[in-house]
Amino acid sequence: MWIGWKLIVLAIKAAWGITKILFYLVFFPIVLILLVVGGLIYVALPILIIIGLIGLLCGE
């Protein structure tokens, strides 16, 4: 029973890691590109700056 729970927890952690990678490397850049193409550079640029500052300050 204990091994089953450990495997479930490991699977959830792995799925969360894969989801974070997909969001950071695929989803977020596509959204920013679509905002720029759609003429919403005034929305995309502040988002990019805020995320960049958070990344610099909280970088691991």
Protein backbone atom coordinates (compact mmCIF):
# COMPACT_ATOMS: atom_id res chain seq x y z
CA MET A 1 0.00 0.00 0.00
CA TRP A 2 2.82 2.42 0.92
CA ILE A 3 4.57 1.88 -2.43
CA GLY A 4 1.31 2.58 -4.26
CA TRP A 5 0.96 5.98 -2.59
CA LYS A 6 4.59 6.82 -3.27
CA LEU A 7 4.08 6.02 -6.94
CA ILE A 8 0.97 8.19 -7.10
CA VAL A 9 2.81 11.10 -5.49
CA LEU A 10 5.74 10.63 -7.86
CA ALA A 11 3.38 10.59 -10.85
CA ILE A 12 1.70 13.82 -9.72
CA LYS A 13 5.06 15.54 -9.24
CA ALA A 14 6.24 14.38 -12.67
CA ALA A 15 3.00 15.55 -14.31
CA TRP A 16 3.30 18.95 -12.62
CA GLY A 17 6.89 19.30 -13.82
CA ILE A 18 5.94 18.45 -17.39
CA THR A 19 3.03 20.90 -17.23
CA LYS A 20 5.29 23.72 -16.02
CA ILE A 21 7.75 23.04 -18.84
CA LEU A 22 4.98 23.07 -21.42
CA PHE A 23 3.57 26.35 -20.12
CA TYR A 24 6.95 28.11 -19.93
CA LEU A 25 8.38 26.86 -23.22
CA VAL A 26 5.30 26.47 -25.42
CA PHE A 27 2.10 28.11 -24.20
CA PHE A 28 3.40 31.43 -22.81
CA PRO A 29 5.55 32.39 -25.85
CA ILE A 30 2.69 31.54 -28.22
CA VAL A 31 0.32 33.76 -26.24
CA LEU A 32 2.81 36.64 -26.33
CA ILE A 33 3.36 36.23 -30.08
CA LEU A 34 -0.40 36.20 -30.69
CA LEU A 35 -0.81 39.35 -28.60
CA VAL A 36 1.86 41.12 -30.65
CA VAL A 37 0.41 39.93 -33.98
CA GLY A 38 -3.05 40.98 -32.84
CA GLY A 39 -1.80 44.50 -32.20
CA LEU A 40 -1.79 44.26 -28.42
CA ILE A 41 1.89 45.06 -27.92
CA TYR A 42 0.90 47.41 -25.07
CA VAL A 43 -0.41 44.31 -23.24
CA ALA A 44 2.34 41.88 -24.23
CA LEU A 45 5.30 44.10 -23.35
CA PRO A 46 4.35 44.78 -19.68
CA ILE A 47 3.58 41.08 -19.19
CA LEU A 48 6.99 40.20 -20.59
CA ILE A 49 8.73 42.76 -18.38
CA ILE A 50 6.92 41.62 -15.21
CA ILE A 51 7.64 37.94 -15.88
CA GLY A 52 11.28 38.79 -16.66
CA LEU A 53 11.71 40.68 -13.38
CA ILE A 54 10.08 37.89 -11.40
CA GLY A 55 12.37 35.40 -13.12
CA LEU A 56 15.45 37.45 -12.24
CA LEU A 57 14.46 38.00 -8.62
CA CYS A 58 13.22 34.48 -7.89
CA GLY A 59 15.54 32.56 -10.20
CA GLU A 60 16.57 29.16 -8.99
